[in-house]
Amino acid sequence: MISENIYDDLIESIEESFEEIVTIAKSLGNEKRLKILIFLLKRTHSFGALMNKIELKKTALSNHLSHLINAKLIEKVDFGVYSITGDGIEFMEAIKRAYHQSPSREKNRFKTLQTRAISNSFLNRFSQ
């Protein structure tokens, strides 16, 4: 009997690119790096502007930028000027989708709407 897992394709795909996915996940899992990506979504910025906005020292910012460049989430477009890449934008979109469309969030939104509807119904009875 062959047991086929419905996630076999997902597993295989992740395993094929495991090291790259780990690099990206580490980059996205760091608060300062995520802030850098959010800031670069607005527009291209210089090293100095990033340093002021993210409130990091030169060495720390340089290390974070190196991680993001290695993960191909940002690129250096000129001397000391950085921009988010197409991959960076795609991963930020994926985070947004995964967060807002997660089953647990959908369930919580439904419960909130249900509670609000019950509360409104209750209030309407007494306001008439």
Protein backbone atom coordinates (compact mmCIF):
# COMPACT_ATOMS: atom_id res chain seq x y z
CA MET A 1 0.00 0.00 0.00
CA ILE A 2 1.42 3.36 -1.03
CA SER A 3 0.64 6.18 1.35
CA GLU A 4 0.85 9.52 -0.36
CA ASN A 5 1.05 12.65 1.72
CA ILE A 6 -0.88 15.56 0.25
CA TYR A 7 2.10 17.75 1.13
CA ASP A 8 4.71 15.69 -0.75
CA ASP A 9 5.14 18.36 -3.46
CA LEU A 10 5.48 21.08 -0.83
CA ILE A 11 8.02 19.06 1.13
CA GLU A 12 10.04 18.23 -1.97
CA SER A 13 10.06 21.84 -3.14
CA ILE A 14 11.22 23.15 0.23
CA GLU A 15 13.87 20.46 0.59
CA GLU A 16 15.27 21.26 -2.88
CA SER A 17 15.87 24.89 -1.90
CA PHE A 18 16.37 24.39 1.83
CA GLU A 19 19.54 26.48 2.35
CA GLU A 20 18.22 29.45 0.35
CA ILE A 21 14.90 29.32 2.17
CA VAL A 22 16.67 29.27 5.55
CA THR A 23 18.72 32.34 4.52
CA ILE A 24 15.57 34.20 3.50
CA ALA A 25 13.66 33.13 6.61
CA LYS A 26 16.51 34.31 8.86
CA SER A 27 16.54 37.65 7.05
CA LEU A 28 12.79 38.11 7.35
CA GLY A 29 12.74 36.89 10.95
CA ASN A 30 14.93 39.71 12.22
CA GLU A 31 13.10 42.84 13.41
CA LYS A 32 15.72 45.32 12.15
CA ARG A 33 15.96 43.63 8.73
CA LEU A 34 12.20 43.60 8.37
CA LYS A 35 12.15 47.33 9.21
CA ILE A 36 14.81 47.95 6.56
CA LEU A 37 12.68 46.11 3.99
CA ILE A 38 9.58 48.08 4.96
CA PHE A 39 11.52 51.34 4.69
CA LEU A 40 12.90 50.34 1.27
CA LEU A 41 9.38 49.51 0.05
CA LYS A 42 8.72 53.25 0.16
CA ARG A 43 11.71 54.11 -2.04
CA THR A 44 15.44 53.71 -2.54
CA HIS A 45 17.50 55.04 0.37
CA SER A 46 21.09 55.84 1.21
CA PHE A 47 23.09 54.12 3.92
CA GLY A 48 22.89 57.29 6.04
CA ALA A 49 19.12 57.56 5.71
CA LEU A 50 18.75 53.89 6.68
CA MET A 51 21.07 54.38 9.63
CA ASN A 52 18.97 57.30 10.91
CA LYS A 53 15.61 55.69 10.26
CA ILE A 54 16.41 52.25 11.66
CA GLU A 55 18.57 53.71 14.48
CA LEU A 56 21.55 51.43 14.06
CA LYS A 57 25.28 52.00 14.21
CA LYS A 58 27.29 51.69 10.99
CA THR A 59 28.63 48.21 11.66
CA ALA A 60 25.27 46.78 12.69
CA LEU A 61 23.50 48.30 9.68
CA SER A 62 26.23 47.07 7.37
CA ASN A 63 25.81 43.52 8.73
CA HIS A 64 22.04 43.63 8.30
CA LEU A 65 22.35 44.97 4.75
CA SER A 66 24.84 42.20 3.91
CA HIS A 67 22.35 39.56 5.11
CA LEU A 68 19.58 41.10 3.01
CA ILE A 69 21.83 41.33 -0.05
CA ASN A 70 22.94 37.68 0.38
CA ALA A 71 19.28 36.67 0.57
CA LYS A 72 18.67 38.69 -2.63
CA LEU A 73 15.98 40.75 -0.89
CA ILE A 74 17.75 44.07 -1.48
CA GLU A 75 20.47 45.32 -3.79
CA LYS A 76 23.06 48.06 -3.79
CA VAL A 77 22.07 50.25 -6.75
CA ASP A 78 24.80 52.85 -6.34
CA PHE A 79 27.58 53.65 -3.91
CA GLY A 80 25.84 53.55 -0.52
CA VAL A 81 22.35 53.44 -2.03
CA TYR A 82 20.01 50.49 -1.51
CA SER A 83 16.78 49.29 -3.07
CA ILE A 84 14.42 46.39 -2.47
CA THR A 85 14.52 43.70 -5.17
CA GLY A 86 11.63 42.03 -6.95
CA ASP A 87 12.24 39.02 -4.69
CA GLY A 88 12.11 41.29 -1.65
CA ILE A 89 8.77 42.72 -2.75
CA GLU A 90 7.42 39.25 -3.48
CA PHE A 91 8.40 37.93 -0.04
CA MET A 92 6.88 40.98 1.68
CA GLU A 93 3.65 40.36 -0.27
CA ALA A 94 3.77 36.68 0.74
CA ILE A 95 4.11 37.67 4.42
CA LYS A 96 1.12 39.99 4.10
CA ARG A 97 -0.99 37.30 2.40
CA ALA A 98 0.01 34.57 4.83
CA TYR A 99 -0.72 36.75 7.83
CA HIS A 100 -4.04 38.18 6.69
CA GLN A 101 -5.37 34.98 5.10
CA SER A 102 -4.30 32.54 7.80
CA PRO A 103 -7.09 30.22 8.96
CA SER A 104 -6.70 31.27 12.61
CA ARG A 105 -6.98 34.97 11.70
CA GLU A 106 -10.04 34.28 9.54
CA LYS A 107 -11.63 32.39 12.43
CA ASN A 108 -10.91 35.26 14.84
CA ARG A 109 -12.34 37.82 12.38
CA PHE A 110 -15.48 35.71 12.01
CA LYS A 111 -15.88 35.48 15.80
CA THR A 112 -15.41 39.25 16.12
CA LEU A 113 -18.00 39.94 13.43
CA GLN A 114 -20.40 37.48 15.06
CA THR A 115 -19.95 39.11 18.48
CA ARG A 116 -20.39 42.57 16.98
CA ALA A 117 -23.59 41.47 15.21
CA ILE A 118 -24.99 40.03 18.45
CA SER A 119 -24.07 43.22 20.33
CA ASN A 120 -25.66 45.43 17.65
CA SER A 121 -28.81 43.28 17.68
CA PHE A 122 -29.00 43.54 21.45
CA LEU A 123 -28.48 47.32 21.40
CA ASN A 124 -31.05 47.80 18.65
CA ARG A 125 -33.74 46.10 20.76
CA PHE A 126 -33.29 48.59 23.57
CA SER A 127 -32.85 51.73 21.49
CA GLN A 128 -36.27 51.51 19.86
